[in-house]
Amino acid sequence: MPFRLAALILAIFCVGTAELSPSGMLDDLSADLTVSLAMAGLLVTAYALTMVVGGPLVTALTTRVRRKTLLVGLLAVFVLGNVVCALAPGFGVLMAGRVLTAVVHGTFMAVCVVTAGAMVGEGKSGAAIAATQLGINLATVLGVPMGSFLAQHYDWRAPFGIVAALASVAVVLVLAWVPDTPAPTVTAAHEARVFRRPAVWGTVGATVLCSGGMFTLITYMVPLLTGVGRLSRQWVPAVLLAYGVGSIVGNLLGGRYADRGVDRAVGQLSWALVAVCLLAWLLAPTRPAAPSPSCCSRSPPSP
């Protein structure tokens, strides 16, 4: 069982890293591809929009495919997309690779969660599903800072190549360790009936708004730190690492808080997110209290 979960965790780590890593190297992408920061940020926006549109379509088209076959097929498309990104000669090809990768993202994550729950006995599916989320945590803690470091010291294409290589290993591990399970008997039309409930649309809308605010801040975190806060670029990987550690702590504390009352936790944590976004806006021009090469120079810092 640990080996089976490890295969899924590695695959999720690759998918999560590919999704978030451009946010840590927007400056490098913008400079090398001679596009504006706003244009480079579209690499994240287009990825998210493709997930929203492509995820349900891919899920509906693959409902009758056996889960192991589906996992391998989606991972193969993911590897191809990252290879396109790694070899992209310009912004257009890079965007095409991002879109190709994003098409399979939502369905792959969902199938991983369902497969993890089905691999264990009754009463243990929750722990197995929670274990797979370690892949997302590792992507935040290690994958994004790694991408920023490689982009600064080598080339922004290197992270995409490494992710493609690791995902190829994940394909082999899934083939070797993950058991084959039949496709679900429930049709996509049957599952779509849940959207007749107004409460579902309200929940989706709230999730979109909160996630939109959070990911906008994450996407432009590095330009805010370096361009507005004047933090030295050499500290960016460390800051992203700290953010990743904070996200793990927040997930753990938020999960325990939600166990005491889901409605109260969702409401209060949503307001906390609003407060954090406002603080980021207000405090962005403040020079961080971290050493940088400019503090050791003889010339005074620019106003």
Foldseek 3Di string as FASTA:
>chain_A
DVLLLVLLLLLLLLLLLLQQQLLLVLVLQCVVQVHDSVLSLVLNVLLVVLLVPLVLVVCQVCLQPWLLVLLLVLLVQLLVLLVQLLPPPHDVSNSVSSSSNSNSSNVNLVSSLVLQLVVDDPPCSVVSSVSSCVSNLCSQQPSNLVLNVCCVPPNNSVSSNVSSVSSVVSSVSSVVPRDIDGRDPDHSVNVVVVVVDVVVVVVVVLVCVLVVLVVVCSSNVVCLCCVQLVDDSVCSSVVSNVVSVVVVVCVVVLVVVVVVPVVVSVVVVSVVSVVVSVCCVVCSNHHDPDDDPQVPDPDDDDD
